[in-house]
Amino acid sequence: MLNIAKTQNEGVLTFDLEGRLDTTTSPQLEEAINGSIAGVKELIFDLEKLEYISSAGLRVLLAAQKTMNKQGNMTVLHVSEEVMEIFEVTGFSDILTIQ
């Protein structure tokens, strides 16, 4: 299960993710991103409450990063040790801006 809290304010779009971002839930996030990313200059993912991310979830983040490379910046915040380990093993720690 994945809970997505979205806030948008003057070109800054923030997604707070809670739960698991996997094959079942990644289409839900992808739809939320695609429905609101137009015109966004700063995209932020707060992963403080994200417990797990699968390859399907990584694909969604990569697609968002590719879009933001053309129109602004993307930042990933508050990554747990478990999720950070997945980012490091997959090389995503080199692709994403993680704070």
C-alpha atoms as a PDB file:
ATOM      1  CA  MET A   1       0.000   0.000   0.000  1.00  0.00           C
ATOM      2  CA  LEU A   2       1.198   3.505  -0.829  1.00  0.00           C
ATOM      3  CA  ASN A   3      -0.111   6.800   0.486  1.00  0.00           C
ATOM      4  CA  ILE A   4       0.715   9.828  -1.641  1.00  0.00           C
ATOM      5  CA  ALA A   5       0.371  13.353  -0.274  1.00  0.00           C
ATOM      6  CA  LYS A   6       0.850  15.994  -2.959  1.00  0.00           C
ATOM      7  CA  THR A   7       1.409  19.695  -2.424  1.00  0.00           C
ATOM      8  CA  GLN A   8       1.983  22.237  -5.164  1.00  0.00           C
ATOM      9  CA  ASN A   9       3.034  25.827  -4.661  1.00  0.00           C
ATOM     10  CA  GLU A  10       4.359  28.259  -7.289  1.00  0.00           C
ATOM     11  CA  GLY A  11       6.262  25.834  -9.493  1.00  0.00           C
ATOM     12  CA  VAL A  12       7.293  23.531  -6.638  1.00  0.00           C
ATOM     13  CA  LEU A  13       5.639  20.107  -6.522  1.00  0.00           C
ATOM     14  CA  THR A  14       6.195  17.878  -3.494  1.00  0.00           C
ATOM     15  CA  PHE A  15       5.196  14.246  -3.079  1.00  0.00           C
ATOM     16  CA  ASP A  16       5.286  12.735   0.421  1.00  0.00           C
ATOM     17  CA  LEU A  17       5.322   8.954   0.031  1.00  0.00           C
ATOM     18  CA  GLU A  18       4.353   6.513   2.767  1.00  0.00           C
ATOM     19  CA  GLY A  19       4.379   2.731   2.538  1.00  0.00           C
ATOM     20  CA  ARG A  20       5.674   0.604  -0.330  1.00  0.00           C
ATOM     21  CA  LEU A  21       6.477   1.760  -3.855  1.00  0.00           C
ATOM     22  CA  ASP A  22       6.346  -1.457  -5.856  1.00  0.00           C
ATOM     23  CA  THR A  23       4.811  -3.052  -8.942  1.00  0.00           C
ATOM     24  CA  THR A  24       1.310  -2.697  -7.500  1.00  0.00           C
ATOM     25  CA  THR A  25       1.574   0.928  -6.357  1.00  0.00           C
ATOM     26  CA  SER A  26       3.972   2.523  -8.870  1.00  0.00           C
ATOM     27  CA  PRO A  27       1.231   3.170 -11.490  1.00  0.00           C
ATOM     28  CA  GLN A  28      -0.587   5.232  -8.842  1.00  0.00           C
ATOM     29  CA  LEU A  29       2.471   7.477  -8.343  1.00  0.00           C
ATOM     30  CA  GLU A  30       3.175   7.638 -12.071  1.00  0.00           C
ATOM     31  CA  GLU A  31      -0.370   8.864 -12.701  1.00  0.00           C
ATOM     32  CA  ALA A  32      -0.075  11.470  -9.934  1.00  0.00           C
ATOM     33  CA  ILE A  33       3.225  12.762 -11.352  1.00  0.00           C
ATOM     34  CA  ASN A  34       2.080  12.834 -14.980  1.00  0.00           C
ATOM     35  CA  GLY A  35      -1.104  14.652 -14.022  1.00  0.00           C
ATOM     36  CA  SER A  36       0.694  17.535 -12.360  1.00  0.00           C
ATOM     37  CA  ILE A  37       4.298  17.862 -13.575  1.00  0.00           C
ATOM     38  CA  ALA A  38       3.665  20.302 -16.432  1.00  0.00           C
ATOM     39  CA  GLY A  39       5.267  23.660 -15.694  1.00  0.00           C
ATOM     40  CA  VAL A  40       6.931  22.449 -12.497  1.00  0.00           C
ATOM     41  CA  LYS A  41      10.424  23.873 -11.894  1.00  0.00           C
ATOM     42  CA  GLU A  42      11.197  21.950  -8.686  1.00  0.00           C
ATOM     43  CA  LEU A  43      10.042  18.398  -7.996  1.00  0.00           C
ATOM     44  CA  ILE A  44      10.579  17.015  -4.485  1.00  0.00           C
ATOM     45  CA  PHE A  45      10.040  13.487  -3.226  1.00  0.00           C
ATOM     46  CA  ASP A  46       9.979  13.137   0.568  1.00  0.00           C
ATOM     47  CA  LEU A  47      10.659   9.467   1.298  1.00  0.00           C
ATOM     48  CA  GLU A  48      10.783   9.716   5.095  1.00  0.00           C
ATOM     49  CA  LYS A  49       7.908   7.235   5.478  1.00  0.00           C
ATOM     50  CA  LEU A  50       8.717   5.061   2.456  1.00  0.00           C
ATOM     51  CA  GLU A  51       9.505   1.533   3.658  1.00  0.00           C
ATOM     52  CA  TYR A  52      10.397  -0.146   0.363  1.00  0.00           C
ATOM     53  CA  ILE A  53      11.024   0.623  -3.294  1.00  0.00           C
ATOM     54  CA  SER A  54      11.120  -1.967  -6.092  1.00  0.00           C
ATOM     55  CA  SER A  55      12.477  -1.748  -9.625  1.00  0.00           C
ATOM     56  CA  ALA A  56       9.036  -0.532 -10.752  1.00  0.00           C
ATOM     57  CA  GLY A  57       9.271   2.332  -8.265  1.00  0.00           C
ATOM     58  CA  LEU A  58      12.803   3.124  -9.406  1.00  0.00           C
ATOM     59  CA  ARG A  59      11.533   3.315 -12.990  1.00  0.00           C
ATOM     60  CA  VAL A  60       8.942   5.932 -11.976  1.00  0.00           C
ATOM     61  CA  LEU A  61      11.603   8.041 -10.233  1.00  0.00           C
ATOM     62  CA  LEU A  62      13.908   7.730 -13.252  1.00  0.00           C
ATOM     63  CA  ALA A  63      11.154   8.854 -15.626  1.00  0.00           C
ATOM     64  CA  ALA A  64      10.434  11.845 -13.360  1.00  0.00           C
ATOM     65  CA  GLN A  65      14.157  12.681 -13.261  1.00  0.00           C
ATOM     66  CA  LYS A  66      14.381  12.584 -17.069  1.00  0.00           C
ATOM     67  CA  THR A  67      11.415  14.958 -17.344  1.00  0.00           C
ATOM     68  CA  MET A  68      12.848  17.323 -14.730  1.00  0.00           C
ATOM     69  CA  ASN A  69      16.253  17.340 -16.465  1.00  0.00           C
ATOM     70  CA  LYS A  70      14.476  19.247 -19.246  1.00  0.00           C
ATOM     71  CA  GLN A  71      12.430  21.641 -17.115  1.00  0.00           C
ATOM     72  CA  GLY A  72      13.984  22.074 -13.668  1.00  0.00           C
ATOM     73  CA  ASN A  73      15.326  20.186 -10.656  1.00  0.00           C
ATOM     74  CA  MET A  74      14.346  17.063  -8.763  1.00  0.00           C
ATOM     75  CA  THR A  75      15.362  16.319  -5.179  1.00  0.00           C
ATOM     76  CA  VAL A  76      14.818  13.259  -2.996  1.00  0.00           C
ATOM     77  CA  LEU A  77      14.626  13.930   0.745  1.00  0.00           C
ATOM     78  CA  HIS A  78      14.741  11.910   3.978  1.00  0.00           C
ATOM     79  CA  VAL A  79      15.776   8.568   2.490  1.00  0.00           C
ATOM     80  CA  SER A  80      15.782   5.657   4.951  1.00  0.00           C
ATOM     81  CA  GLU A  81      18.793   3.352   5.240  1.00  0.00           C
ATOM     82  CA  GLU A  82      16.877   0.529   3.530  1.00  0.00           C
ATOM     83  CA  VAL A  83      15.861   2.643   0.541  1.00  0.00           C
ATOM     84  CA  MET A  84      19.301   4.268   0.344  1.00  0.00           C
ATOM     85  CA  GLU A  85      20.877   0.827   0.135  1.00  0.00           C
ATOM     86  CA  ILE A  86      18.658   0.047  -2.876  1.00  0.00           C
ATOM     87  CA  PHE A  87      19.644   3.393  -4.463  1.00  0.00           C
ATOM     88  CA  GLU A  88      23.334   2.602  -3.949  1.00  0.00           C
ATOM     89  CA  VAL A  89      23.163  -0.974  -5.268  1.00  0.00           C
ATOM     90  CA  THR A  90      21.282   0.118  -8.389  1.00  0.00           C
ATOM     91  CA  GLY A  91      23.400   3.209  -9.037  1.00  0.00           C
ATOM     92  CA  PHE A  92      20.469   5.557  -8.442  1.00  0.00           C
ATOM     93  CA  SER A  93      22.465   7.334  -5.732  1.00  0.00           C
ATOM     94  CA  ASP A  94      24.589   8.715  -8.593  1.00  0.00           C
ATOM     95  CA  ILE A  95      21.599   9.702 -10.749  1.00  0.00           C
ATOM     96  CA  LEU A  96      19.344  11.332  -8.160  1.00  0.00           C
ATOM     97  CA  THR A  97      19.943  14.406  -6.022  1.00  0.00           C
ATOM     98  CA  ILE A  98      19.516  13.009  -2.521  1.00  0.00           C
ATOM     99  CA  GLN A  99      19.514  15.194   0.584  1.00  0.00           C
END
